[in-house]
Protein backbone atom coordinates (compact mmCIF):
# COMPACT_ATOMS: atom_id res chain seq x y z
CA MET A 1 1.63 44.10 -7.78
CA ILE A 2 -1.08 46.62 -6.90
CA ILE A 3 -4.26 45.22 -5.40
CA GLY A 4 -7.42 47.28 -5.89
CA ILE A 5 -10.34 47.40 -3.50
CA ASP A 6 -12.36 45.07 -5.75
CA ASP A 7 -9.59 42.45 -5.58
CA PHE A 8 -9.45 42.80 -1.78
CA GLN A 9 -13.20 42.40 -1.39
CA GLN A 10 -13.33 39.36 -3.67
CA LYS A 11 -10.65 37.61 -1.60
CA ASN A 12 -12.09 38.56 1.81
CA VAL A 13 -15.86 38.21 1.43
CA SER A 14 -17.78 36.27 4.04
CA PHE A 15 -20.98 34.33 3.48
CA SER A 16 -23.78 33.96 6.03
CA ILE A 17 -27.04 32.03 6.11
CA VAL A 18 -29.92 33.98 7.67
CA LYS A 19 -33.16 32.39 8.84
CA LYS A 20 -36.41 34.30 8.37
CA ALA A 21 -36.95 34.06 12.13
CA ASP A 22 -33.76 36.14 12.61
CA LEU A 23 -34.98 39.11 10.56
CA PRO A 24 -34.20 41.94 10.54
CA THR A 25 -30.49 41.24 10.20
CA HIS A 26 -27.56 43.56 9.75
CA CYS A 27 -23.93 43.61 8.73
CA PRO A 28 -21.65 43.26 10.49
CA PRO A 29 -23.39 40.70 12.70
CA ILE A 30 -23.07 41.35 16.43
CA GLU A 31 -21.24 38.04 16.97
CA VAL A 32 -18.35 39.10 14.72
CA GLN A 33 -15.24 40.01 16.71
CA LYS A 34 -14.71 43.18 14.68
CA TRP A 35 -18.36 44.21 14.91
CA SER A 36 -17.38 47.88 14.66
CA MET A 37 -15.49 47.51 11.35
CA HIS A 38 -18.14 49.56 9.51
CA PRO A 39 -21.51 51.17 10.24
CA LYS A 40 -24.42 48.83 10.90
CA VAL A 41 -26.29 48.21 7.65
CA PHE A 42 -29.62 46.38 7.66
CA MET A 43 -29.82 43.87 4.83
CA GLN A 44 -32.52 44.03 2.17
CA PHE A 45 -32.95 40.69 0.43
CA ASP A 46 -33.87 40.37 -3.25
CA GLU A 47 -36.39 37.92 -4.78
CA GLN A 48 -33.80 35.10 -4.63
CA GLY A 49 -33.19 35.73 -0.93
CA GLU A 50 -29.74 37.22 -1.48
CA ALA A 51 -28.17 40.38 -0.07
CA THR A 52 -24.71 41.96 -0.25
CA CYS A 53 -23.24 44.46 2.19
CA PRO A 54 -22.32 47.68 0.36
CA TYR A 55 -19.41 48.33 2.76
CA CYS A 56 -17.54 45.03 2.97
CA GLY A 57 -19.09 42.87 0.25
CA SER A 58 -20.26 40.13 2.64
CA LYS A 59 -22.94 37.93 1.13
CA TYR A 60 -26.11 36.83 2.89
CA GLN A 61 -28.60 34.11 1.92
CA LEU A 62 -32.12 34.03 3.38
CA VAL A 63 -33.57 30.59 4.16
CA ASP A 64 -36.80 29.34 5.78
């Protein structure tokens, strides 16, 4: 079986809650052990308070 990059990302996506007080936030977060796994990308949240990292597919949810 061949696994494509989309399959890999769907199986290995992380989810993080971000408080407004912690803005600006970036992926990967500094507390992640493999913090150098891709370039630092600052998250831009949409109207629903959601953001997705374009490199690794990690999902972020903005809360009060």
